[in-house]
């Protein structure tokens, strides 16, 4: 899967609120870091490892933001990955930097937020 197709699948999964479709975008041993991990799970390093932890994190996010929506603002590519800048339904902007594995799934993700996000 190419970078654009991956981002489109990820966005479509969130739009449909289909967590299985969202999770299909990630490798089994995904390395995910975000400030929301610190606040939701009291992990100072902000890191989650593997799809099971990430799924729980996203489930909690959906509970906290029942009207969750992402509006793409910019898509930037690099060899083997991309960065997606998007605006959330609450007005906060986020940047996800994604490194993909050889199977076209997100293996390493770093999420950045313009304002503090729970």
N, C-alpha and C. Protein backbone atom coordinates (compact mmCIF):
# COMPACT_ATOMS: atom_id res chain seq x y z
N UNK A 1 0.85 -1.17 0.00
CA UNK A 1 0.00 0.00 0.00
C UNK A 1 0.89 1.23 0.00
N UNK A 2 0.57 2.20 -0.83
CA UNK A 2 1.38 3.42 -0.84
C UNK A 2 0.93 4.36 0.28
N UNK A 3 1.70 5.39 0.50
CA UNK A 3 1.46 6.31 1.61
C UNK A 3 0.09 6.99 1.51
N UNK A 4 -0.27 7.47 0.32
CA UNK A 4 -1.55 8.16 0.16
C UNK A 4 -2.72 7.20 0.44
N UNK A 5 -2.64 6.00 -0.09
CA UNK A 5 -3.70 5.02 0.12
C UNK A 5 -3.82 4.67 1.61
N UNK A 6 -2.67 4.57 2.28
CA UNK A 6 -2.67 4.28 3.71
C UNK A 6 -3.38 5.38 4.48
N UNK A 7 -3.02 6.62 4.22
CA UNK A 7 -3.65 7.75 4.91
C UNK A 7 -5.14 7.80 4.62
N UNK A 8 -5.53 7.54 3.37
CA UNK A 8 -6.95 7.55 3.01
C UNK A 8 -7.72 6.46 3.76
N UNK A 9 -7.13 5.27 3.86
CA UNK A 9 -7.78 4.18 4.59
C UNK A 9 -7.94 4.54 6.06
N UNK A 10 -6.91 5.13 6.64
CA UNK A 10 -6.94 5.53 8.05
C UNK A 10 -8.02 6.58 8.29
N UNK A 11 -8.06 7.60 7.44
CA UNK A 11 -9.07 8.65 7.57
C UNK A 11 -10.49 8.09 7.39
N UNK A 12 -10.66 7.23 6.42
CA UNK A 12 -11.98 6.63 6.16
C UNK A 12 -12.43 5.78 7.34
N UNK A 13 -11.50 5.06 7.95
CA UNK A 13 -11.83 4.25 9.12
C UNK A 13 -12.33 5.11 10.26
N UNK A 14 -11.65 6.22 10.51
CA UNK A 14 -12.11 7.12 11.57
C UNK A 14 -13.45 7.75 11.21
N UNK A 15 -13.61 8.17 9.97
CA UNK A 15 -14.87 8.79 9.55
C UNK A 15 -16.05 7.83 9.76
N UNK A 16 -15.81 6.55 9.50
CA UNK A 16 -16.86 5.53 9.65
C UNK A 16 -16.97 5.04 11.11
N UNK A 17 -16.05 5.51 11.95
CA UNK A 17 -15.98 5.05 13.34
C UNK A 17 -15.82 3.52 13.38
N UNK A 18 -15.02 3.02 12.45
CA UNK A 18 -14.76 1.59 12.30
C UNK A 18 -13.36 1.30 12.83
N UNK A 19 -13.30 0.95 14.10
CA UNK A 19 -12.00 0.77 14.74
C UNK A 19 -11.22 -0.39 14.13
N UNK A 20 -11.92 -1.42 13.63
CA UNK A 20 -11.22 -2.52 12.96
C UNK A 20 -10.50 -2.02 11.70
N UNK A 21 -11.16 -1.15 10.94
CA UNK A 21 -10.54 -0.59 9.73
C UNK A 21 -9.35 0.29 10.10
N UNK A 22 -9.48 1.06 11.15
CA UNK A 22 -8.36 1.90 11.61
C UNK A 22 -7.19 1.01 12.02
N UNK A 23 -7.46 -0.01 12.82
CA UNK A 23 -6.40 -0.86 13.33
C UNK A 23 -5.72 -1.67 12.23
N UNK A 24 -6.41 -1.92 11.13
CA UNK A 24 -5.80 -2.63 10.00
C UNK A 24 -4.66 -1.84 9.39
N UNK A 25 -4.56 -0.57 9.71
CA UNK A 25 -3.50 0.29 9.18
C UNK A 25 -2.18 0.14 9.94
N UNK A 26 -2.20 -0.58 11.05
CA UNK A 26 -1.03 -0.66 11.93
C UNK A 26 -0.41 -2.05 11.93
N UNK A 27 0.91 -2.09 12.10
CA UNK A 27 1.62 -3.37 12.25
C UNK A 27 1.32 -3.94 13.64
N UNK A 28 1.53 -5.23 13.78
CA UNK A 28 1.25 -5.89 15.06
C UNK A 28 2.08 -5.31 16.20
N UNK A 29 3.31 -4.91 15.91
CA UNK A 29 4.20 -4.39 16.96
C UNK A 29 4.43 -2.89 16.84
N UNK A 30 3.39 -2.18 16.43
CA UNK A 30 3.49 -0.74 16.23
C UNK A 30 4.07 -0.05 17.47
N UNK A 31 4.89 0.96 17.22
CA UNK A 31 5.50 1.81 18.24
C UNK A 31 4.84 3.18 18.08
N UNK A 32 4.02 3.56 19.07
CA UNK A 32 3.20 4.77 18.98
C UNK A 32 3.53 5.67 20.16
N UNK A 33 3.78 6.96 19.89
CA UNK A 33 4.08 7.92 20.95
C UNK A 33 3.21 9.15 20.77
N UNK A 34 2.55 9.57 21.87
CA UNK A 34 1.72 10.77 21.84
C UNK A 34 1.53 11.28 23.27
N UNK A 35 1.32 12.57 23.39
CA UNK A 35 1.08 13.15 24.72
C UNK A 35 -0.23 12.63 25.32
N UNK A 36 -1.16 12.20 24.49
CA UNK A 36 -2.41 11.65 25.01
C UNK A 36 -2.17 10.35 25.79
N UNK A 37 -1.12 9.64 25.47
CA UNK A 37 -0.78 8.42 26.21
C UNK A 37 -0.37 8.79 27.63
N UNK A 38 0.35 9.90 27.76
CA UNK A 38 0.76 10.36 29.08
C UNK A 38 -0.47 10.67 29.93
N UNK A 39 -1.40 11.42 29.38
CA UNK A 39 -2.57 11.86 30.16
C UNK A 39 -3.58 10.74 30.39
N UNK A 40 -3.78 9.87 29.41
CA UNK A 40 -4.79 8.81 29.56
C UNK A 40 -4.31 7.62 30.38
N UNK A 41 -3.02 7.30 30.28
CA UNK A 41 -2.51 6.07 30.87
C UNK A 41 -1.37 6.30 31.87
N UNK A 42 -1.06 7.57 32.16
CA UNK A 42 -0.02 7.90 33.12
C UNK A 42 1.31 7.23 32.76
N UNK A 43 1.67 7.33 31.48
CA UNK A 43 2.96 6.81 31.01
C UNK A 43 3.83 8.00 30.63
N UNK A 44 4.79 8.34 31.45
CA UNK A 44 5.60 9.54 31.22
C UNK A 44 6.28 9.59 29.85
N UNK A 45 6.63 8.44 29.28
CA UNK A 45 7.30 8.45 27.98
C UNK A 45 6.31 8.56 26.81
N UNK A 46 5.01 8.45 27.10
CA UNK A 46 3.99 8.60 26.07
C UNK A 46 3.96 7.48 25.05
N UNK A 47 4.57 6.35 25.37
CA UNK A 47 4.73 5.29 24.38
C UNK A 47 3.80 4.10 24.61
N UNK A 48 3.25 3.61 23.50
CA UNK A 48 2.49 2.37 23.47
C UNK A 48 3.19 1.42 22.51
N UNK A 49 3.13 0.11 22.83
CA UNK A 49 3.74 -0.90 21.97
C UNK A 49 2.69 -1.94 21.62
N UNK A 50 2.48 -2.15 20.34
CA UNK A 50 1.59 -3.19 19.87
C UNK A 50 0.16 -2.73 19.65
N UNK A 51 -0.53 -3.49 18.82
CA UNK A 51 -1.90 -3.14 18.44
C UNK A 51 -2.89 -3.20 19.60
N UNK A 52 -2.71 -4.12 20.52
CA UNK A 52 -3.66 -4.24 21.63
C UNK A 52 -3.67 -2.97 22.48
N UNK A 53 -2.49 -2.47 22.83
CA UNK A 53 -2.42 -1.23 23.60
C UNK A 53 -2.98 -0.06 22.80
N UNK A 54 -2.63 0.00 21.53
CA UNK A 54 -3.09 1.11 20.70
C UNK A 54 -4.61 1.08 20.55
N UNK A 55 -5.18 -0.08 20.39
CA UNK A 55 -6.63 -0.20 20.26
C UNK A 55 -7.33 0.33 21.52
N UNK A 56 -6.83 -0.05 22.69
CA UNK A 56 -7.42 0.48 23.94
C UNK A 56 -7.32 1.99 24.00
N UNK A 57 -6.20 2.51 23.53
CA UNK A 57 -6.01 3.97 23.51
C UNK A 57 -7.03 4.64 22.59
N UNK A 58 -7.23 4.09 21.43
CA UNK A 58 -8.20 4.67 20.49
C UNK A 58 -9.63 4.49 20.99
N UNK A 59 -9.93 3.38 21.63
CA UNK A 59 -11.27 3.19 22.21
C UNK A 59 -11.54 4.27 23.25
N UNK A 60 -10.55 4.55 24.07
CA UNK A 60 -10.69 5.60 25.09
C UNK A 60 -10.88 6.96 24.42
N UNK A 61 -10.15 7.20 23.35
CA UNK A 61 -10.31 8.46 22.62
C UNK A 61 -11.71 8.64 22.08
N UNK A 62 -12.29 7.58 21.57
CA UNK A 62 -13.67 7.66 21.06
C UNK A 62 -14.67 7.91 22.19
N UNK A 63 -14.40 7.36 23.37
CA UNK A 63 -15.26 7.62 24.52
C UNK A 63 -15.19 9.09 24.92
N UNK A 64 -13.99 9.64 24.90
CA UNK A 64 -13.79 11.04 25.31
C UNK A 64 -14.30 12.04 24.28
N UNK A 65 -14.34 11.63 23.02
CA UNK A 65 -14.74 12.54 21.93
C UNK A 65 -15.76 11.83 21.03
N UNK A 66 -17.00 11.73 21.46
CA UNK A 66 -18.00 11.01 20.67
C UNK A 66 -18.26 11.62 19.30
N UNK A 67 -17.93 12.87 19.11
CA UNK A 67 -18.14 13.55 17.82
C UNK A 67 -16.84 13.65 17.02
N UNK A 68 -15.88 12.81 17.33
CA UNK A 68 -14.56 12.86 16.71
C UNK A 68 -14.63 12.93 15.19
N UNK A 69 -13.92 13.89 14.60
CA UNK A 69 -13.80 14.04 13.15
C UNK A 69 -12.41 14.58 12.85
N UNK A 70 -11.86 14.14 11.71
CA UNK A 70 -10.57 14.63 11.25
C UNK A 70 -10.75 15.26 9.88
N UNK A 71 -10.21 16.46 9.72
CA UNK A 71 -10.24 17.15 8.42
C UNK A 71 -8.79 17.35 7.99
N UNK A 72 -8.43 16.71 6.90
CA UNK A 72 -7.05 16.80 6.42
C UNK A 72 -6.71 18.22 5.99
N UNK A 73 -5.52 18.68 6.40
CA UNK A 73 -5.02 19.98 5.98
C UNK A 73 -3.79 19.87 5.09
N UNK A 74 -2.95 18.87 5.34
CA UNK A 74 -1.76 18.69 4.52
C UNK A 74 -1.29 17.25 4.61
N UNK A 75 -0.72 16.80 3.50
CA UNK A 75 -0.16 15.45 3.41
C UNK A 75 1.22 15.58 2.80
N UNK A 76 2.24 15.12 3.52
CA UNK A 76 3.62 15.22 3.06
C UNK A 76 4.22 13.82 3.04
N UNK A 77 4.94 13.50 1.99
CA UNK A 77 5.49 12.16 1.88
C UNK A 77 7.01 12.16 2.00
N UNK A 78 7.50 11.00 2.35
CA UNK A 78 8.93 10.73 2.42
C UNK A 78 9.10 9.28 2.02
N UNK A 79 10.29 8.87 1.81
CA UNK A 79 10.55 7.47 1.48
C UNK A 79 10.13 6.60 2.66
N UNK A 80 9.13 5.76 2.45
CA UNK A 80 8.70 4.84 3.50
C UNK A 80 7.80 5.43 4.55
N UNK A 81 7.25 6.59 4.30
CA UNK A 81 6.36 7.17 5.31
C UNK A 81 5.75 8.48 4.87
N UNK A 82 5.06 9.09 5.80
CA UNK A 82 4.39 10.36 5.51
C UNK A 82 4.07 11.10 6.81
N UNK A 83 3.68 12.34 6.65
CA UNK A 83 3.16 13.14 7.75
C UNK A 83 1.79 13.66 7.32
N UNK A 84 0.83 13.56 8.23
CA UNK A 84 -0.53 14.00 7.96
C UNK A 84 -0.90 15.06 8.98
N UNK A 85 -1.18 16.25 8.49
CA UNK A 85 -1.64 17.35 9.33
C UNK A 85 -3.15 17.42 9.19
N UNK A 86 -3.85 17.39 10.31
CA UNK A 86 -5.31 17.43 10.26
C UNK A 86 -5.86 18.24 11.43
N UNK A 87 -7.09 18.68 11.24
CA UNK A 87 -7.80 19.43 12.29
C UNK A 87 -8.88 18.54 12.86
N UNK A 88 -8.96 18.52 14.16
CA UNK A 88 -10.00 17.74 14.84
C UNK A 88 -11.30 18.53 14.95
N UNK A 89 -12.35 17.84 15.33
CA UNK A 89 -13.67 18.46 15.49
C UNK A 89 -13.65 19.54 16.57
N UNK A 90 -12.72 19.47 17.50
CA UNK A 90 -12.61 20.46 18.57
C UNK A 90 -11.73 21.65 18.19
N UNK A 91 -11.27 21.68 16.95
CA UNK A 91 -10.43 22.79 16.47
C UNK A 91 -8.94 22.56 16.64
N UNK A 92 -8.57 21.58 17.43
CA UNK A 92 -7.15 21.31 17.66
C UNK A 92 -6.54 20.68 16.41
N UNK A 93 -5.34 21.13 16.07
CA UNK A 93 -4.63 20.52 14.94
C UNK A 93 -3.67 19.47 15.45
N UNK A 94 -3.51 18.42 14.65
CA UNK A 94 -2.61 17.32 14.99
C UNK A 94 -1.75 16.98 13.78
N UNK A 95 -0.57 16.50 14.06
CA UNK A 95 0.34 16.04 13.02
C UNK A 95 0.77 14.63 13.39
N UNK A 96 0.47 13.68 12.53
CA UNK A 96 0.93 12.31 12.72
C UNK A 96 2.06 12.04 11.73
N UNK A 97 3.20 11.63 12.26
CA UNK A 97 4.35 11.26 11.44
C UNK A 97 4.42 9.74 11.46
N UNK A 98 4.30 9.13 10.28
CA UNK A 98 4.13 7.69 10.16
C UNK A 98 5.27 7.08 9.35
N UNK A 99 5.92 6.07 9.93
CA UNK A 99 6.89 5.26 9.20
C UNK A 99 6.23 3.92 8.94
N UNK A 100 6.26 3.48 7.69
CA UNK A 100 5.57 2.26 7.31
C UNK A 100 6.53 1.07 7.23
N UNK A 101 5.98 -0.12 7.49
CA UNK A 101 6.79 -1.33 7.37
C UNK A 101 6.75 -1.85 5.93
N UNK A 102 7.40 -2.99 5.69
CA UNK A 102 7.48 -3.55 4.34
C UNK A 102 6.13 -4.05 3.83
N UNK A 103 5.15 -4.16 4.73
CA UNK A 103 3.81 -4.61 4.34
C UNK A 103 2.83 -3.45 4.13
N UNK A 104 3.35 -2.23 4.25
CA UNK A 104 2.51 -1.06 4.03
C UNK A 104 1.65 -0.67 5.22
N UNK A 105 2.06 -1.08 6.42
CA UNK A 105 1.33 -0.72 7.62
C UNK A 105 2.19 0.21 8.48
N UNK A 106 1.54 1.00 9.31
CA UNK A 106 2.25 1.92 10.19
C UNK A 106 3.01 1.14 11.26
N UNK A 107 4.32 1.28 11.28
CA UNK A 107 5.17 0.59 12.24
C UNK A 107 5.63 1.52 13.36
N UNK A 108 5.77 2.79 13.04
CA UNK A 108 6.24 3.78 14.01
C UNK A 108 5.45 5.06 13.77
N UNK A 109 4.79 5.55 14.82
CA UNK A 109 3.96 6.75 14.69
C UNK A 109 4.28 7.70 15.83
N UNK A 110 4.44 8.96 15.48
CA UNK A 110 4.61 10.03 16.46
C UNK A 110 3.50 11.04 16.20
N UNK A 111 2.70 11.30 17.23
CA UNK A 111 1.57 12.23 17.11
C UNK A 111 1.89 13.51 17.88
N UNK A 112 1.65 14.63 17.23
CA UNK A 112 1.90 15.94 17.82
C UNK A 112 0.61 16.75 17.79
N UNK A 113 0.38 17.55 18.82
CA UNK A 113 -0.84 18.34 18.92
C UNK A 113 -0.51 19.81 19.10
N UNK A 114 -1.30 20.65 18.46
CA UNK A 114 -1.10 22.09 18.59
C UNK A 114 -1.41 22.56 20.01
N UNK A 115 -2.46 22.03 20.60
CA UNK A 115 -2.86 22.34 21.96
C UNK A 115 -2.96 21.03 22.73
N UNK A 116 -2.90 21.12 24.04
CA UNK A 116 -3.00 19.92 24.87
C UNK A 116 -4.29 19.17 24.52
N UNK A 117 -4.16 17.87 24.42
CA UNK A 117 -5.29 17.01 24.04
C UNK A 117 -5.39 15.89 25.07
N UNK A 118 -6.63 15.58 25.51
CA UNK A 118 -6.74 14.50 26.50
C UNK A 118 -6.94 13.17 25.84
